[in-house]
Amino acid sequence: MSASPTPYTIAVVGAASAIGRAATALMARRGATIVCLNRDDSGARAAAERTTTAGGKASSSEMDILDKASQKTLWNGIIQQSGQLHAVANCAGVTDQTNIKAHEVDLDFFDLVYRTNMLGALLIPQVVLSHMLSKNFGRIHHIASIAGKEGNPA
């Protein structure tokens, strides 16, 4: 009799709400071990608790998607604990202020949106791809709502 396969370890960035919350629930129902990551530690913990209460396997960590140095430490810890990171579902995203005329958009908010949605999506692969390539397996999915396609300035 062969040993049963090891379940996939999947990290969900932005696991606390919206798309990340739904992705976490779906992948846990399908048997994956989930690492719930969120910029708000209490949100990450709540996501992991929802998952384990529903019968899944999950852990949680706070993650600053814009801090490459702390990401490296975080991802290395996840990889060390799990043995292999099979996939990352990056659901982190912000739209912030909506229905604002372009000339009224606050530049600080625009910078936050750009950095989270674009720079964050680049930093994750820069840190995890070397591990996935060394294992000859891995998936990184960047997931966004329609707001990411249409934009918000009126």
Protein backbone atom coordinates (compact mmCIF):
# COMPACT_ATOMS: atom_id res chain seq x y z
CA MET A 1 0.00 0.00 0.00
CA SER A 2 1.47 3.37 -0.96
CA ALA A 3 1.46 6.34 1.36
CA SER A 4 -1.24 8.88 0.77
CA PRO A 5 -0.05 12.03 -1.01
CA THR A 6 0.97 15.02 1.03
CA PRO A 7 -1.68 17.74 0.82
CA TYR A 8 -0.73 20.88 -0.97
CA THR A 9 0.40 23.85 1.06
CA ILE A 10 -1.13 27.03 -0.34
CA ALA A 11 -0.55 30.53 1.00
CA VAL A 12 -3.40 32.99 0.55
CA VAL A 13 -2.35 36.63 0.70
CA GLY A 14 -5.29 38.80 1.72
CA ALA A 15 -7.06 35.85 3.33
CA ALA A 16 -9.12 37.91 5.78
CA SER A 17 -11.82 39.20 3.47
CA ALA A 18 -13.51 39.27 0.08
CA ILE A 19 -11.84 37.17 -2.63
CA GLY A 20 -9.13 35.91 -0.26
CA ARG A 21 -11.72 34.67 2.21
CA ALA A 22 -13.57 32.75 -0.51
CA ALA A 23 -10.33 31.35 -1.97
CA THR A 24 -9.21 30.16 1.46
CA ALA A 25 -12.50 28.36 2.08
CA LEU A 26 -12.52 26.71 -1.36
CA MET A 27 -8.96 25.43 -1.23
CA ALA A 28 -9.35 24.17 2.34
CA ARG A 29 -12.49 22.25 1.33
CA ARG A 30 -10.41 20.65 -1.42
CA GLY A 31 -7.88 19.41 1.14
CA ALA A 32 -5.08 21.96 0.95
CA THR A 33 -3.23 23.13 4.03
CA ILE A 34 -3.71 26.90 4.03
CA VAL A 35 -1.39 29.60 5.29
CA CYS A 36 -3.60 32.64 5.86
CA LEU A 37 -1.66 35.86 5.31
CA ASN A 38 -2.99 39.34 5.80
CA ARG A 39 -1.67 42.81 6.58
CA ASP A 40 -3.83 42.72 9.70
CA ASP A 41 -2.67 39.95 12.03
CA SER A 42 -6.10 39.60 13.67
CA GLY A 43 -7.65 39.18 10.21
CA ALA A 44 -5.12 36.46 9.35
CA ARG A 45 -5.82 34.67 12.64
CA ALA A 46 -9.60 34.89 12.08
CA ALA A 47 -9.20 33.43 8.58
CA ALA A 48 -7.20 30.49 9.95
CA GLU A 49 -9.74 29.97 12.72
CA ARG A 50 -12.64 29.93 10.22
CA THR A 51 -10.75 27.35 8.20
CA THR A 52 -9.95 25.05 11.10
CA THR A 53 -13.48 25.38 12.53
CA ALA A 54 -14.78 24.20 9.15
CA GLY A 55 -12.51 21.14 9.37
CA GLY A 56 -9.54 22.36 7.35
CA LYS A 57 -5.88 22.80 8.20
CA ALA A 58 -4.58 26.35 8.50
CA SER A 59 -2.06 28.63 10.12
CA SER A 60 -1.73 32.39 9.97
CA SER A 61 0.79 35.20 9.84
CA GLU A 62 0.77 38.92 9.43
CA MET A 63 2.27 39.99 6.10
CA ASP A 64 3.35 43.37 4.79
CA ILE A 65 3.12 42.87 1.04
CA LEU A 66 5.29 45.95 0.46
CA ASP A 67 8.24 44.91 2.64
CA LYS A 68 10.52 42.55 0.70
CA ALA A 69 12.86 41.92 3.64
CA SER A 70 10.07 40.84 6.00
CA GLN A 71 8.49 38.80 3.19
CA LYS A 72 11.72 36.87 2.74
CA THR A 73 11.76 35.96 6.44
CA LEU A 74 8.06 35.07 6.37
CA TRP A 75 8.22 32.91 3.23
CA ASN A 76 11.35 31.12 4.43
CA GLY A 77 9.53 30.27 7.68
CA ILE A 78 6.51 28.97 5.79
CA ILE A 79 8.70 26.84 3.53
CA GLN A 80 10.71 25.48 6.47
CA GLN A 81 7.55 24.56 8.38
CA SER A 82 5.67 23.03 5.44
CA GLY A 83 8.58 21.49 3.54
CA GLN A 84 7.21 22.83 0.28
CA LEU A 85 5.11 25.77 -0.76
CA HIS A 86 2.99 24.52 -3.64
CA ALA A 87 1.08 27.68 -4.48
CA VAL A 88 0.43 31.28 -3.60
CA ALA A 89 -2.92 32.94 -4.22
CA ASN A 90 -2.30 36.68 -4.03
CA CYS A 91 -5.71 38.20 -3.33
CA ALA A 92 -4.32 41.33 -1.68
CA GLY A 93 -5.60 44.46 -3.31
CA VAL A 94 -6.99 47.84 -2.51
CA THR A 95 -9.22 50.21 -4.42
CA ASP A 96 -9.51 52.76 -1.65
CA GLN A 97 -11.46 55.83 -2.78
CA THR A 98 -13.88 55.26 -5.65
CA ASN A 99 -15.95 57.41 -7.99
CA ILE A 100 -13.58 60.35 -7.72
CA LYS A 101 -12.67 62.61 -10.61
CA ALA A 102 -9.07 62.07 -11.70
CA HIS A 103 -7.99 65.57 -10.73
CA GLU A 104 -9.36 65.02 -7.20
CA VAL A 105 -7.57 61.73 -6.48
CA ASP A 106 -5.39 61.99 -3.38
CA LEU A 107 -1.84 61.07 -4.43
CA ASP A 108 -1.12 59.29 -1.14
CA PHE A 109 -4.10 56.99 -1.71
CA PHE A 110 -3.12 56.47 -5.35
CA ASP A 111 0.39 55.52 -4.23
CA LEU A 112 -1.00 52.99 -1.75
CA VAL A 113 -3.21 51.43 -4.44
CA TYR A 114 -0.36 51.27 -6.97
CA ARG A 115 2.17 49.90 -4.50
CA THR A 116 -0.18 47.25 -3.09
CA ASN A 117 -1.70 46.11 -6.37
CA MET A 118 1.36 46.34 -8.62
CA LEU A 119 4.53 46.32 -6.53
CA GLY A 120 3.14 43.73 -4.12
CA ALA A 121 2.38 41.44 -7.05
CA LEU A 122 6.03 41.68 -8.11
CA LEU A 123 7.61 41.21 -4.68
CA ILE A 124 5.89 37.89 -3.94
CA PRO A 125 7.37 36.04 -6.95
CA GLN A 126 10.75 37.62 -6.37
CA VAL A 127 10.84 35.88 -3.01
CA VAL A 128 9.09 32.53 -3.63
CA LEU A 129 10.06 31.61 -7.19
CA SER A 130 13.54 30.34 -6.32
CA HIS A 131 11.96 27.81 -3.92
CA MET A 132 9.35 26.73 -6.46
CA LEU A 133 11.97 26.37 -9.19
CA SER A 134 14.17 24.28 -6.89
CA LYS A 135 11.20 21.93 -6.36
CA ASN A 136 10.33 22.00 -10.06
CA PHE A 137 6.77 22.84 -9.04
CA GLY A 138 4.74 25.80 -7.91
CA ARG A 139 1.97 28.15 -8.88
CA ILE A 140 1.47 31.84 -8.22
CA HIS A 141 -1.96 33.27 -8.91
CA HIS A 142 -2.72 36.98 -8.75
CA ILE A 143 -6.45 37.41 -8.28
CA ALA A 144 -8.33 40.70 -8.48
CA SER A 145 -11.86 41.94 -8.77
CA ILE A 146 -13.28 43.75 -11.77
CA ALA A 147 -12.27 47.00 -10.04
CA GLY A 148 -8.68 46.12 -10.92
CA LYS A 149 -9.56 46.02 -14.61
CA GLU A 150 -11.83 49.05 -14.80
CA GLY A 151 -10.11 51.37 -12.35
CA ASN A 152 -11.96 53.84 -10.22
CA PRO A 153 -11.24 57.50 -11.03
CA ALA A 154 -14.33 58.88 -12.71
